[in-house]
N, C-alpha and C. Protein backbone atom coordinates (compact mmCIF):
# COMPACT_ATOMS: atom_id res chain seq x y z
N VAL A 1 -5.09 24.08 -7.52
CA VAL A 1 -4.19 23.28 -6.70
C VAL A 1 -3.19 22.63 -7.64
N ASN A 2 -1.93 22.74 -7.29
CA ASN A 2 -0.88 22.17 -8.11
C ASN A 2 -0.38 20.89 -7.48
N ASN A 3 0.19 20.03 -8.29
CA ASN A 3 0.70 18.75 -7.85
C ASN A 3 2.22 18.84 -7.73
N VAL A 4 2.79 18.31 -6.66
CA VAL A 4 4.23 18.38 -6.45
C VAL A 4 4.96 17.47 -7.44
N VAL A 5 4.37 16.34 -7.77
CA VAL A 5 5.03 15.38 -8.65
C VAL A 5 4.93 15.81 -10.11
N PHE A 6 3.73 16.17 -10.57
CA PHE A 6 3.52 16.61 -11.94
C PHE A 6 3.03 18.05 -11.91
N LYS A 7 3.88 18.96 -12.32
CA LYS A 7 3.54 20.38 -12.28
C LYS A 7 2.46 20.71 -13.32
N ASP A 8 1.54 21.58 -12.95
CA ASP A 8 0.47 22.09 -13.81
C ASP A 8 -0.42 20.98 -14.38
N VAL A 9 -0.75 20.00 -13.57
CA VAL A 9 -1.63 18.92 -14.01
C VAL A 9 -3.08 19.41 -14.04
N GLY A 10 -3.44 20.30 -13.15
CA GLY A 10 -4.81 20.80 -13.09
C GLY A 10 -5.75 19.79 -12.45
N MET A 11 -5.25 19.09 -11.47
CA MET A 11 -6.03 18.06 -10.80
C MET A 11 -6.52 18.65 -9.47
N PRO A 12 -7.82 18.84 -9.31
CA PRO A 12 -8.31 19.46 -8.07
C PRO A 12 -8.17 18.53 -6.87
N HIS A 13 -7.97 19.12 -5.72
CA HIS A 13 -7.88 18.37 -4.47
C HIS A 13 -9.30 18.28 -3.92
N VAL A 14 -9.94 17.13 -4.09
CA VAL A 14 -11.35 17.00 -3.73
C VAL A 14 -11.58 16.95 -2.23
N MET A 15 -10.54 16.75 -1.45
CA MET A 15 -10.68 16.68 0.00
C MET A 15 -10.18 17.95 0.69
N TRP A 16 -10.04 19.03 -0.05
CA TRP A 16 -9.45 20.23 0.52
C TRP A 16 -10.28 20.81 1.66
N ASP A 17 -11.61 20.66 1.59
CA ASP A 17 -12.43 21.22 2.66
C ASP A 17 -12.27 20.43 3.96
N LEU A 18 -11.86 19.17 3.87
CA LEU A 18 -11.59 18.38 5.07
C LEU A 18 -10.17 18.62 5.59
N GLN A 19 -9.21 18.64 4.66
CA GLN A 19 -7.81 18.78 5.05
C GLN A 19 -7.41 20.23 5.26
N GLY A 20 -7.96 21.11 4.48
CA GLY A 20 -7.56 22.50 4.52
C GLY A 20 -6.71 22.82 3.30
N LEU A 21 -6.49 24.10 3.09
CA LEU A 21 -5.71 24.54 1.95
C LEU A 21 -4.24 24.57 2.34
N GLN A 22 -3.41 23.93 1.53
CA GLN A 22 -1.98 23.83 1.83
C GLN A 22 -1.17 24.48 0.73
N ARG A 23 0.02 24.90 1.11
CA ARG A 23 0.96 25.48 0.16
C ARG A 23 2.27 24.73 0.29
N ALA A 24 2.88 24.43 -0.84
CA ALA A 24 4.16 23.72 -0.83
C ALA A 24 5.28 24.67 -0.45
N VAL A 25 6.15 24.22 0.44
CA VAL A 25 7.32 24.99 0.85
C VAL A 25 8.54 24.31 0.23
N PHE A 26 9.33 25.11 -0.49
CA PHE A 26 10.52 24.58 -1.15
C PHE A 26 11.76 25.14 -0.48
N LYS A 27 12.86 24.40 -0.55
CA LYS A 27 14.14 24.90 -0.06
C LYS A 27 15.12 24.91 -1.22
N GLU A 28 16.11 25.75 -1.10
CA GLU A 28 17.10 25.87 -2.16
C GLU A 28 17.97 24.63 -2.22
N ASP A 29 18.29 24.22 -3.43
CA ASP A 29 19.17 23.07 -3.62
C ASP A 29 20.60 23.47 -3.26
N GLU A 30 21.31 22.57 -2.60
CA GLU A 30 22.68 22.86 -2.17
C GLU A 30 23.62 23.04 -3.36
N HIS A 31 23.29 22.45 -4.49
CA HIS A 31 24.17 22.48 -5.65
C HIS A 31 23.74 23.53 -6.67
N GLY A 32 22.80 24.37 -6.29
CA GLY A 32 22.39 25.45 -7.17
C GLY A 32 21.37 25.05 -8.22
N GLY A 33 20.73 23.92 -8.06
CA GLY A 33 19.72 23.47 -9.01
C GLY A 33 18.36 24.04 -8.68
N GLU A 34 17.34 23.37 -9.15
CA GLU A 34 15.97 23.81 -8.88
C GLU A 34 15.65 23.65 -7.40
N PRO A 35 14.73 24.47 -6.88
CA PRO A 35 14.32 24.30 -5.48
C PRO A 35 13.70 22.91 -5.26
N VAL A 36 13.91 22.37 -4.06
CA VAL A 36 13.47 21.03 -3.71
C VAL A 36 12.31 21.13 -2.73
N PHE A 37 11.29 20.29 -2.95
CA PHE A 37 10.13 20.27 -2.05
C PHE A 37 10.57 19.85 -0.65
N GLU A 38 10.12 20.62 0.36
CA GLU A 38 10.48 20.31 1.74
C GLU A 38 9.27 19.81 2.54
N ARG A 39 8.16 20.56 2.50
CA ARG A 39 6.98 20.19 3.29
C ARG A 39 5.79 21.01 2.81
N PHE A 40 4.62 20.69 3.35
CA PHE A 40 3.42 21.48 3.10
C PHE A 40 3.18 22.39 4.30
N GLU A 41 2.70 23.58 4.00
CA GLU A 41 2.36 24.55 5.05
C GLU A 41 0.85 24.80 4.97
N LEU A 42 0.18 24.72 6.10
CA LEU A 42 -1.27 24.89 6.15
C LEU A 42 -1.61 26.38 6.03
N VAL A 43 -2.32 26.74 4.97
CA VAL A 43 -2.72 28.13 4.75
C VAL A 43 -4.07 28.40 5.39
N LYS A 44 -5.02 27.50 5.15
CA LYS A 44 -6.37 27.64 5.71
C LYS A 44 -6.76 26.29 6.30
N PRO A 45 -7.05 26.21 7.59
CA PRO A 45 -7.39 24.92 8.19
C PRO A 45 -8.71 24.37 7.66
N GLY A 46 -8.80 23.05 7.63
CA GLY A 46 -10.01 22.39 7.17
C GLY A 46 -10.91 22.03 8.33
N SER A 47 -11.92 21.24 8.05
CA SER A 47 -12.87 20.86 9.09
C SER A 47 -12.34 19.73 9.97
N MET A 48 -11.22 19.10 9.59
CA MET A 48 -10.62 18.03 10.38
C MET A 48 -9.21 18.44 10.80
N THR A 49 -8.78 17.90 11.93
CA THR A 49 -7.39 18.09 12.32
C THR A 49 -6.52 17.19 11.44
N PRO A 50 -5.22 17.46 11.35
CA PRO A 50 -4.36 16.59 10.54
C PRO A 50 -4.41 15.12 10.96
N GLU A 51 -4.53 14.85 12.26
CA GLU A 51 -4.61 13.46 12.73
C GLU A 51 -5.92 12.81 12.28
N GLU A 52 -7.03 13.55 12.39
CA GLU A 52 -8.32 13.03 11.95
C GLU A 52 -8.32 12.78 10.44
N PHE A 53 -7.74 13.71 9.69
CA PHE A 53 -7.69 13.56 8.24
C PHE A 53 -6.85 12.35 7.85
N ASP A 54 -5.69 12.17 8.49
CA ASP A 54 -4.85 11.01 8.19
C ASP A 54 -5.59 9.71 8.50
N GLY A 55 -6.31 9.67 9.62
CA GLY A 55 -7.09 8.47 9.96
C GLY A 55 -8.20 8.20 8.96
N ALA A 56 -8.88 9.26 8.54
CA ALA A 56 -9.97 9.09 7.57
C ALA A 56 -9.43 8.61 6.22
N MET A 57 -8.29 9.14 5.80
CA MET A 57 -7.70 8.71 4.53
C MET A 57 -7.18 7.28 4.62
N ARG A 58 -6.64 6.90 5.78
CA ARG A 58 -6.19 5.52 5.98
C ARG A 58 -7.39 4.57 5.88
N ASP A 59 -8.50 4.94 6.51
CA ASP A 59 -9.71 4.12 6.43
C ASP A 59 -10.23 4.03 5.00
N LEU A 60 -10.21 5.15 4.28
CA LEU A 60 -10.70 5.17 2.91
C LEU A 60 -9.84 4.30 2.00
N VAL A 61 -8.53 4.39 2.15
CA VAL A 61 -7.62 3.58 1.32
C VAL A 61 -7.78 2.10 1.64
N ASN A 62 -7.91 1.75 2.91
CA ASN A 62 -8.11 0.35 3.28
C ASN A 62 -9.43 -0.18 2.72
N PHE A 63 -10.47 0.64 2.77
CA PHE A 63 -11.76 0.23 2.21
C PHE A 63 -11.67 0.02 0.71
N LEU A 64 -11.02 0.95 0.00
CA LEU A 64 -10.90 0.80 -1.45
C LEU A 64 -10.03 -0.39 -1.82
N ASP A 65 -9.03 -0.70 -1.00
CA ASP A 65 -8.21 -1.88 -1.23
C ASP A 65 -9.05 -3.14 -1.08
N TYR A 66 -9.90 -3.18 -0.07
CA TYR A 66 -10.79 -4.33 0.15
C TYR A 66 -11.80 -4.46 -0.99
N VAL A 67 -12.39 -3.34 -1.42
CA VAL A 67 -13.39 -3.38 -2.48
C VAL A 67 -12.76 -3.83 -3.80
N GLY A 68 -11.48 -3.50 -4.00
CA GLY A 68 -10.80 -3.90 -5.22
C GLY A 68 -10.62 -5.41 -5.32
N GLU A 69 -10.47 -6.10 -4.21
CA GLU A 69 -10.30 -7.55 -4.22
C GLU A 69 -10.91 -8.13 -2.94
N PRO A 70 -12.23 -8.32 -2.92
CA PRO A 70 -12.89 -8.74 -1.68
C PRO A 70 -12.54 -10.17 -1.25
N TYR A 71 -12.09 -11.01 -2.16
CA TYR A 71 -11.80 -12.41 -1.82
C TYR A 71 -10.34 -12.63 -1.47
N LYS A 72 -9.59 -11.56 -1.26
CA LYS A 72 -8.15 -11.68 -1.00
C LYS A 72 -7.88 -12.48 0.28
N LEU A 73 -8.59 -12.20 1.35
CA LEU A 73 -8.35 -12.91 2.61
C LEU A 73 -8.69 -14.38 2.49
N GLU A 74 -9.80 -14.69 1.81
CA GLU A 74 -10.18 -16.09 1.61
C GLU A 74 -9.14 -16.80 0.74
N ARG A 75 -8.65 -16.12 -0.28
CA ARG A 75 -7.64 -16.70 -1.16
C ARG A 75 -6.35 -16.98 -0.42
N GLN A 76 -5.95 -16.08 0.46
CA GLN A 76 -4.72 -16.28 1.24
C GLN A 76 -4.88 -17.44 2.22
N ARG A 77 -6.04 -17.55 2.86
CA ARG A 77 -6.27 -18.68 3.77
C ARG A 77 -6.24 -20.01 3.02
N LEU A 78 -6.86 -20.04 1.86
CA LEU A 78 -6.86 -21.25 1.05
C LEU A 78 -5.45 -21.58 0.57
N GLY A 79 -4.66 -20.56 0.25
CA GLY A 79 -3.28 -20.79 -0.19
C GLY A 79 -2.45 -21.45 0.89
N VAL A 80 -2.63 -21.06 2.14
CA VAL A 80 -1.90 -21.69 3.24
C VAL A 80 -2.30 -23.16 3.36
N LYS A 81 -3.59 -23.44 3.25
CA LYS A 81 -4.05 -24.83 3.33
C LYS A 81 -3.49 -25.67 2.19
N VAL A 82 -3.45 -25.11 1.00
CA VAL A 82 -2.92 -25.84 -0.16
C VAL A 82 -1.43 -26.13 0.03
N LEU A 83 -0.67 -25.16 0.53
CA LEU A 83 0.76 -25.38 0.76
C LEU A 83 1.00 -26.43 1.83
N LEU A 84 0.20 -26.44 2.88
CA LEU A 84 0.33 -27.48 3.90
C LEU A 84 -0.01 -28.85 3.33
N PHE A 85 -1.06 -28.93 2.52
CA PHE A 85 -1.41 -30.19 1.87
C PHE A 85 -0.28 -30.69 0.98
N LEU A 86 0.32 -29.78 0.21
CA LEU A 86 1.43 -30.17 -0.66
C LEU A 86 2.64 -30.64 0.14
N ALA A 87 2.90 -30.02 1.27
CA ALA A 87 4.02 -30.45 2.12
C ALA A 87 3.78 -31.86 2.65
N VAL A 88 2.57 -32.14 3.11
CA VAL A 88 2.25 -33.49 3.61
C VAL A 88 2.33 -34.49 2.46
N LEU A 89 1.81 -34.12 1.29
CA LEU A 89 1.86 -35.00 0.13
C LEU A 89 3.30 -35.28 -0.28
N PHE A 90 4.17 -34.28 -0.20
CA PHE A 90 5.58 -34.48 -0.53
C PHE A 90 6.22 -35.47 0.42
N VAL A 91 5.96 -35.33 1.71
CA VAL A 91 6.54 -36.25 2.70
C VAL A 91 6.04 -37.67 2.45
N LEU A 92 4.75 -37.84 2.22
CA LEU A 92 4.20 -39.17 1.95
C LEU A 92 4.76 -39.76 0.66
N SER A 93 4.91 -38.93 -0.37
CA SER A 93 5.48 -39.40 -1.64
C SER A 93 6.93 -39.83 -1.46
N TYR A 94 7.69 -39.08 -0.67
CA TYR A 94 9.08 -39.43 -0.43
C TYR A 94 9.18 -40.75 0.33
N LEU A 95 8.35 -40.93 1.34
CA LEU A 95 8.35 -42.19 2.10
C LEU A 95 7.93 -43.36 1.22
N LEU A 96 6.96 -43.16 0.34
CA LEU A 96 6.53 -44.21 -0.58
C LEU A 96 7.64 -44.55 -1.57
N LYS A 97 8.35 -43.55 -2.05
CA LYS A 97 9.48 -43.79 -2.96
C LYS A 97 10.55 -44.62 -2.28
N LYS A 98 10.87 -44.27 -1.04
CA LYS A 98 11.87 -45.03 -0.29
C LYS A 98 11.43 -46.49 -0.12
N GLU A 99 10.14 -46.69 0.11
CA GLU A 99 9.63 -48.06 0.28
C GLU A 99 9.73 -48.84 -1.03
N TYR A 100 9.37 -48.21 -2.15
CA TYR A 100 9.43 -48.89 -3.45
C TYR A 100 10.87 -49.22 -3.85
N TRP A 101 11.80 -48.31 -3.58
CA TRP A 101 13.17 -48.46 -4.08
C TRP A 101 14.12 -49.08 -3.05
N LYS A 102 13.63 -49.57 -1.95
CA LYS A 102 14.54 -50.09 -0.93
C LYS A 102 15.24 -51.38 -1.37
N ASP A 103 14.62 -52.15 -2.27
CA ASP A 103 15.24 -53.39 -2.73
C ASP A 103 16.15 -53.20 -3.93
N VAL A 104 16.11 -52.04 -4.55
CA VAL A 104 16.95 -51.78 -5.72
C VAL A 104 18.31 -51.27 -5.24
N HIS A 105 19.39 -51.91 -5.76
CA HIS A 105 20.74 -51.51 -5.30
C HIS A 105 21.46 -50.82 -6.39
């Protein structure tokens, strides 16, 4: 299996039995350069339909994203609380400053 981005990498497609065997279809460049990648053509169907395969890969990527940083959601919730606290603290500090400096001309 060849890679469209890096030619002759020798990286096997480990999900080929699910997705099926595909072949890259190239079109001629309008300016006479190298052929340009257009799309993949299914040579041998896999055990999943393209929609099922896309859904399974989406689930896999989302799971790996979660496993990479499991506390991300908690960190984001805490960040919102901290920003709200800082906003309230800023307002209170500004009002206190106005109170302290009201007699200074």
